[in-house]
Amino acid sequence: MSSFNSMIQSDKPVLVDFFATWCGPCKTMSPILEKVKAQLGEGVTILKVDVDKNPKVAASYQVRGVPTLIIFKEGQIMWRQSGVVSDSDLIGLLRQMS
């Protein structure tokens, strides 16, 4: 948890994907996140958090469904949504926050 907290303190956007290995829509998000990283490169950090392996982190952000995507900047939640989000929507959001 402490390493997670230090990672989300970044002054560049940190996109956290709360997922589960058994979740179909979560599998859909993986190639979308790869596209986002390819487009934005060093401008964004993308973290994947397995809710089954990290229940305390998921609970601390009230993650009730997967996938849940949260964008942090300097430790603050800037945006949050559950479900699949398109690469173009994510890229647009992250560019606004950079």
Protein backbone atom coordinates (compact mmCIF):
# COMPACT_ATOMS: atom_id res chain seq x y z
CA MET A 1 0.00 0.00 0.00
CA SER A 2 2.80 2.46 0.82
CA SER A 3 4.46 1.92 -2.57
CA PHE A 4 1.06 2.46 -4.23
CA ASN A 5 0.61 5.71 -2.30
CA SER A 6 4.05 6.95 -3.33
CA MET A 7 3.35 6.09 -7.00
CA ILE A 8 0.10 8.09 -7.14
CA GLN A 9 1.84 11.20 -5.73
CA SER A 10 3.37 11.86 -9.16
CA ASP A 11 2.96 15.27 -10.77
CA LYS A 12 2.09 13.53 -14.04
CA PRO A 13 -1.20 11.63 -14.35
CA VAL A 14 -1.29 8.08 -12.98
CA LEU A 15 -4.00 5.88 -14.49
CA VAL A 16 -4.86 2.98 -12.20
CA ASP A 17 -6.76 0.02 -13.63
CA PHE A 18 -8.40 -2.00 -10.84
CA PHE A 19 -9.04 -5.38 -12.46
CA ALA A 20 -9.57 -9.10 -11.81
CA THR A 21 -8.16 -11.98 -13.83
CA TRP A 22 -11.63 -13.59 -14.13
CA CYS A 23 -13.27 -10.40 -15.47
CA GLY A 24 -14.12 -10.32 -19.21
CA PRO A 25 -14.36 -6.52 -19.57
CA CYS A 26 -11.00 -6.24 -17.76
CA LYS A 27 -9.41 -8.32 -20.51
CA THR A 28 -10.90 -5.88 -23.03
CA MET A 29 -9.14 -2.99 -21.23
CA SER A 30 -5.61 -4.43 -21.59
CA PRO A 31 -5.08 -3.62 -25.31
CA ILE A 32 -6.81 -0.25 -24.79
CA LEU A 33 -4.33 0.63 -22.05
CA GLU A 34 -1.45 -0.49 -24.26
CA LYS A 35 -2.66 1.94 -26.95
CA VAL A 36 -2.89 4.75 -24.39
CA LYS A 37 0.68 4.07 -23.21
CA ALA A 38 1.91 3.91 -26.82
CA GLN A 39 0.32 7.31 -27.55
CA LEU A 40 1.33 9.12 -24.36
CA GLY A 41 4.57 7.33 -23.45
CA GLU A 42 6.35 8.94 -20.51
CA GLY A 43 3.51 11.46 -20.08
CA VAL A 44 1.48 8.96 -18.10
CA THR A 45 2.03 6.13 -15.63
CA ILE A 46 -0.33 3.18 -15.91
CA LEU A 47 -0.71 0.85 -12.94
CA LYS A 48 -2.71 -2.35 -12.93
CA VAL A 49 -4.03 -3.45 -9.53
CA ASP A 50 -5.45 -6.97 -9.18
CA VAL A 51 -8.32 -6.53 -6.69
CA ASP A 52 -8.08 -10.17 -5.58
CA LYS A 53 -4.39 -9.82 -4.71
CA ASN A 54 -4.67 -6.26 -3.32
CA PRO A 55 -8.02 -6.11 -1.52
CA LYS A 56 -6.89 -3.39 0.91
CA VAL A 57 -5.94 -0.98 -1.89
CA ALA A 58 -9.22 -1.70 -3.72
CA ALA A 59 -11.25 -1.25 -0.53
CA SER A 60 -9.52 2.01 0.35
CA TYR A 61 -10.84 3.49 -2.93
CA GLN A 62 -14.28 1.84 -2.63
CA VAL A 63 -13.74 -0.23 -5.77
CA ARG A 64 -16.90 -2.34 -5.96
CA GLY A 65 -16.83 -3.40 -9.61
CA VAL A 66 -14.12 -4.17 -12.12
CA PRO A 67 -12.73 -2.75 -14.22
CA THR A 68 -12.61 0.54 -12.32
CA LEU A 69 -10.27 3.19 -13.72
CA ILE A 70 -9.04 6.04 -11.55
CA ILE A 71 -6.74 8.85 -12.66
CA PHE A 72 -4.62 10.33 -9.87
CA LYS A 73 -2.44 13.41 -9.97
CA GLU A 74 -0.36 14.41 -6.95
CA GLY A 75 -2.30 11.86 -4.90
CA GLN A 76 -5.70 13.37 -5.75
CA ILE A 77 -8.45 11.56 -7.65
CA MET A 78 -8.98 13.58 -10.84
CA TRP A 79 -11.38 11.18 -12.60
CA ARG A 80 -12.99 7.82 -11.98
CA GLN A 81 -15.16 5.44 -13.98
CA SER A 82 -16.17 1.80 -13.89
CA GLY A 83 -16.45 -0.28 -17.04
CA VAL A 84 -14.62 -0.26 -20.35
CA VAL A 85 -13.44 3.17 -21.54
CA SER A 86 -12.17 3.80 -25.07
CA ASP A 87 -8.53 4.65 -25.74
CA SER A 88 -9.52 7.95 -27.36
CA ASP A 89 -11.51 9.01 -24.27
CA LEU A 90 -8.65 8.10 -21.94
CA ILE A 91 -6.04 9.84 -24.10
CA GLY A 92 -8.18 12.98 -24.20
CA LEU A 93 -8.64 12.98 -20.43
CA LEU A 94 -4.96 12.35 -19.72
CA ARG A 95 -3.82 15.06 -22.14
CA GLN A 96 -6.05 17.60 -20.34
CA MET A 97 -4.42 16.69 -17.04
CA SER A 98 -0.80 16.70 -18.19
